[in-house]
Amino acid sequence: MKTIPILLSSVNSVKGFVNAVNKYDFEVNLIVGNHVVDAKSIMGIFSLDLSKPIKTEIHSDDCDKFLTEINEFVK
């Protein structure tokens, strides 16, 4: 498992991030405070406070391609 901070500052960035996450079979969770949402859920993401960086847990050790794809969102 890897943990990284991301910043999703616009509707288009949320859409791009969700599209990237949905290409992979492993789980990705977004955590803000006590709230944990599935990163594959666009509605779940919009329930979070997007004004600050979001802790992202990637449940895979083989995620280098995914990390490259979401590099624009990494804070």
N, C-alpha and C. Protein backbone atom coordinates (compact mmCIF):
# COMPACT_ATOMS: atom_id res chain seq x y z
N MET A 1 0.84 -1.18 0.00
CA MET A 1 0.00 0.00 0.00
C MET A 1 0.89 1.24 0.00
N LYS A 2 0.47 2.24 -0.77
CA LYS A 2 1.17 3.52 -0.82
C LYS A 2 0.20 4.63 -0.46
N THR A 3 0.71 5.66 0.18
CA THR A 3 -0.10 6.82 0.56
C THR A 3 0.54 8.07 -0.02
N ILE A 4 -0.28 8.87 -0.73
CA ILE A 4 0.20 10.12 -1.31
C ILE A 4 -0.86 11.21 -1.12
N PRO A 5 -0.45 12.47 -1.08
CA PRO A 5 -1.43 13.56 -1.05
C PRO A 5 -1.76 14.00 -2.48
N ILE A 6 -3.04 14.28 -2.75
CA ILE A 6 -3.43 14.81 -4.05
C ILE A 6 -4.27 16.06 -3.83
N LEU A 7 -4.39 16.85 -4.88
CA LEU A 7 -5.24 18.04 -4.85
C LEU A 7 -6.12 18.02 -6.09
N LEU A 8 -7.43 18.02 -5.85
CA LEU A 8 -8.42 18.03 -6.92
C LEU A 8 -9.14 19.37 -6.84
N SER A 9 -8.68 20.33 -7.62
CA SER A 9 -9.13 21.71 -7.45
C SER A 9 -10.25 22.14 -8.39
N SER A 10 -10.69 21.25 -9.29
CA SER A 10 -11.76 21.62 -10.22
C SER A 10 -12.58 20.39 -10.59
N VAL A 11 -13.72 20.64 -11.20
CA VAL A 11 -14.58 19.54 -11.65
C VAL A 11 -13.83 18.69 -12.67
N ASN A 12 -13.10 19.34 -13.57
CA ASN A 12 -12.36 18.58 -14.59
C ASN A 12 -11.25 17.73 -13.97
N SER A 13 -10.61 18.22 -12.92
CA SER A 13 -9.58 17.41 -12.28
C SER A 13 -10.18 16.20 -11.58
N VAL A 14 -11.36 16.36 -10.98
CA VAL A 14 -12.04 15.21 -10.36
C VAL A 14 -12.40 14.19 -11.43
N LYS A 15 -12.96 14.64 -12.55
CA LYS A 15 -13.31 13.72 -13.65
C LYS A 15 -12.08 13.00 -14.18
N GLY A 16 -10.98 13.73 -14.38
CA GLY A 16 -9.76 13.11 -14.88
C GLY A 16 -9.19 12.09 -13.91
N PHE A 17 -9.23 12.42 -12.62
CA PHE A 17 -8.73 11.50 -11.60
C PHE A 17 -9.57 10.23 -11.55
N VAL A 18 -10.89 10.38 -11.53
CA VAL A 18 -11.79 9.22 -11.47
C VAL A 18 -11.61 8.34 -12.71
N ASN A 19 -11.48 8.94 -13.87
CA ASN A 19 -11.24 8.17 -15.10
C ASN A 19 -9.95 7.37 -15.01
N ALA A 20 -8.90 7.98 -14.45
CA ALA A 20 -7.62 7.27 -14.29
C ALA A 20 -7.75 6.12 -13.30
N VAL A 21 -8.40 6.35 -12.16
CA VAL A 21 -8.53 5.32 -11.13
C VAL A 21 -9.34 4.12 -11.66
N ASN A 22 -10.36 4.39 -12.43
CA ASN A 22 -11.23 3.31 -12.91
C ASN A 22 -10.57 2.39 -13.93
N LYS A 23 -9.39 2.72 -14.40
CA LYS A 23 -8.66 1.85 -15.33
C LYS A 23 -7.96 0.70 -14.61
N TYR A 24 -7.89 0.77 -13.28
CA TYR A 24 -7.11 -0.20 -12.51
C TYR A 24 -8.00 -1.04 -11.60
N ASP A 25 -7.56 -2.28 -11.35
CA ASP A 25 -8.35 -3.22 -10.55
C ASP A 25 -8.17 -3.03 -9.04
N PHE A 26 -7.08 -2.42 -8.61
CA PHE A 26 -6.85 -2.30 -7.17
C PHE A 26 -7.70 -1.18 -6.57
N GLU A 27 -7.84 -1.23 -5.25
CA GLU A 27 -8.64 -0.22 -4.53
C GLU A 27 -7.82 1.03 -4.28
N VAL A 28 -8.50 2.17 -4.37
CA VAL A 28 -7.90 3.46 -4.02
C VAL A 28 -8.92 4.18 -3.15
N ASN A 29 -8.50 4.59 -1.97
CA ASN A 29 -9.38 5.32 -1.06
C ASN A 29 -8.88 6.73 -0.85
N LEU A 30 -9.82 7.67 -0.69
CA LEU A 30 -9.50 9.05 -0.37
C LEU A 30 -9.95 9.30 1.06
N ILE A 31 -9.09 9.94 1.85
CA ILE A 31 -9.36 10.13 3.27
C ILE A 31 -9.21 11.61 3.63
N VAL A 32 -10.26 12.16 4.21
CA VAL A 32 -10.24 13.52 4.74
C VAL A 32 -10.84 13.43 6.14
N GLY A 33 -10.02 13.65 7.15
CA GLY A 33 -10.49 13.51 8.53
C GLY A 33 -10.94 12.09 8.78
N ASN A 34 -12.20 11.94 9.22
CA ASN A 34 -12.76 10.61 9.48
C ASN A 34 -13.51 10.04 8.29
N HIS A 35 -13.56 10.77 7.19
CA HIS A 35 -14.31 10.34 6.01
C HIS A 35 -13.40 9.59 5.05
N VAL A 36 -13.84 8.40 4.66
CA VAL A 36 -13.13 7.58 3.68
C VAL A 36 -14.09 7.30 2.54
N VAL A 37 -13.67 7.62 1.31
CA VAL A 37 -14.51 7.33 0.15
C VAL A 37 -13.71 6.56 -0.88
N ASP A 38 -14.42 5.80 -1.69
CA ASP A 38 -13.84 5.05 -2.80
C ASP A 38 -13.47 6.07 -3.88
N ALA A 39 -12.23 6.07 -4.32
CA ALA A 39 -11.77 7.03 -5.33
C ALA A 39 -12.40 6.78 -6.70
N LYS A 40 -13.06 5.66 -6.87
CA LYS A 40 -13.74 5.37 -8.13
C LYS A 40 -15.14 5.98 -8.17
N SER A 41 -15.56 6.60 -7.08
CA SER A 41 -16.90 7.18 -6.96
C SER A 41 -16.83 8.70 -7.09
N ILE A 42 -17.28 9.22 -8.21
CA ILE A 42 -17.25 10.67 -8.41
C ILE A 42 -18.14 11.38 -7.40
N MET A 43 -19.28 10.80 -7.05
CA MET A 43 -20.16 11.41 -6.06
C MET A 43 -19.52 11.39 -4.67
N GLY A 44 -18.81 10.32 -4.36
CA GLY A 44 -18.11 10.25 -3.08
C GLY A 44 -17.05 11.32 -2.97
N ILE A 45 -16.32 11.56 -4.05
CA ILE A 45 -15.27 12.58 -4.04
C ILE A 45 -15.88 13.96 -3.83
N PHE A 46 -17.01 14.24 -4.49
CA PHE A 46 -17.62 15.55 -4.33
C PHE A 46 -18.20 15.77 -2.94
N SER A 47 -18.29 14.72 -2.12
CA SER A 47 -18.75 14.89 -0.75
C SER A 47 -17.61 15.34 0.18
N LEU A 48 -16.38 15.36 -0.34
CA LEU A 48 -15.22 15.74 0.46
C LEU A 48 -14.91 17.22 0.32
N ASP A 49 -14.14 17.75 1.26
CA ASP A 49 -13.63 19.12 1.18
C ASP A 49 -12.46 19.11 0.20
N LEU A 50 -12.68 19.67 -0.99
CA LEU A 50 -11.66 19.62 -2.04
C LEU A 50 -10.74 20.84 -2.02
N SER A 51 -10.87 21.68 -1.02
CA SER A 51 -10.04 22.89 -0.96
C SER A 51 -8.65 22.61 -0.39
N LYS A 52 -8.45 21.42 0.16
CA LYS A 52 -7.18 21.05 0.78
C LYS A 52 -6.69 19.74 0.17
N PRO A 53 -5.40 19.45 0.32
CA PRO A 53 -4.90 18.15 -0.17
C PRO A 53 -5.63 16.98 0.49
N ILE A 54 -5.77 15.92 -0.26
CA ILE A 54 -6.51 14.72 0.17
C ILE A 54 -5.53 13.56 0.29
N LYS A 55 -5.58 12.86 1.41
CA LYS A 55 -4.75 11.67 1.61
C LYS A 55 -5.31 10.56 0.74
N THR A 56 -4.45 9.97 -0.08
CA THR A 56 -4.85 8.93 -1.02
C THR A 56 -4.13 7.64 -0.69
N GLU A 57 -4.89 6.58 -0.42
CA GLU A 57 -4.31 5.27 -0.13
C GLU A 57 -4.50 4.37 -1.34
N ILE A 58 -3.40 3.90 -1.90
CA ILE A 58 -3.41 3.01 -3.06
C ILE A 58 -3.10 1.61 -2.55
N HIS A 59 -4.03 0.70 -2.71
CA HIS A 59 -3.89 -0.65 -2.16
C HIS A 59 -3.25 -1.59 -3.18
N SER A 60 -2.03 -1.24 -3.55
CA SER A 60 -1.26 -2.06 -4.48
C SER A 60 0.20 -1.65 -4.35
N ASP A 61 1.08 -2.63 -4.50
CA ASP A 61 2.51 -2.31 -4.51
C ASP A 61 3.01 -2.13 -5.94
N ASP A 62 2.19 -2.54 -6.91
CA ASP A 62 2.54 -2.43 -8.32
C ASP A 62 1.68 -1.33 -8.96
N CYS A 63 1.98 -0.09 -8.60
CA CYS A 63 1.13 1.02 -9.06
C CYS A 63 1.92 2.14 -9.72
N ASP A 64 3.11 1.84 -10.21
CA ASP A 64 3.95 2.88 -10.80
C ASP A 64 3.30 3.52 -12.02
N LYS A 65 2.66 2.72 -12.86
CA LYS A 65 1.98 3.26 -14.04
C LYS A 65 0.84 4.19 -13.62
N PHE A 66 0.09 3.79 -12.60
CA PHE A 66 -1.00 4.61 -12.07
C PHE A 66 -0.46 5.92 -11.51
N LEU A 67 0.62 5.86 -10.75
CA LEU A 67 1.22 7.07 -10.17
C LEU A 67 1.68 8.03 -11.26
N THR A 68 2.21 7.50 -12.35
CA THR A 68 2.61 8.35 -13.47
C THR A 68 1.38 9.02 -14.08
N GLU A 69 0.30 8.27 -14.20
CA GLU A 69 -0.91 8.79 -14.81
C GLU A 69 -1.56 9.90 -13.99
N ILE A 70 -1.46 9.81 -12.66
CA ILE A 70 -2.11 10.82 -11.80
C ILE A 70 -1.12 11.87 -11.31
N ASN A 71 0.07 11.91 -11.88
CA ASN A 71 1.11 12.82 -11.43
C ASN A 71 0.67 14.28 -11.36
N GLU A 72 -0.19 14.70 -12.27
CA GLU A 72 -0.65 16.10 -12.27
C GLU A 72 -1.47 16.46 -11.03
N PHE A 73 -2.02 15.46 -10.33
CA PHE A 73 -2.84 15.70 -9.15
C PHE A 73 -2.06 15.60 -7.85
N VAL A 74 -0.85 15.03 -7.90
CA VAL A 74 -0.06 14.83 -6.69
C VAL A 74 0.42 16.18 -6.17
N LYS A 75 0.21 16.38 -4.90
CA LYS A 75 0.56 17.65 -4.25
C LYS A 75 1.93 17.54 -3.65
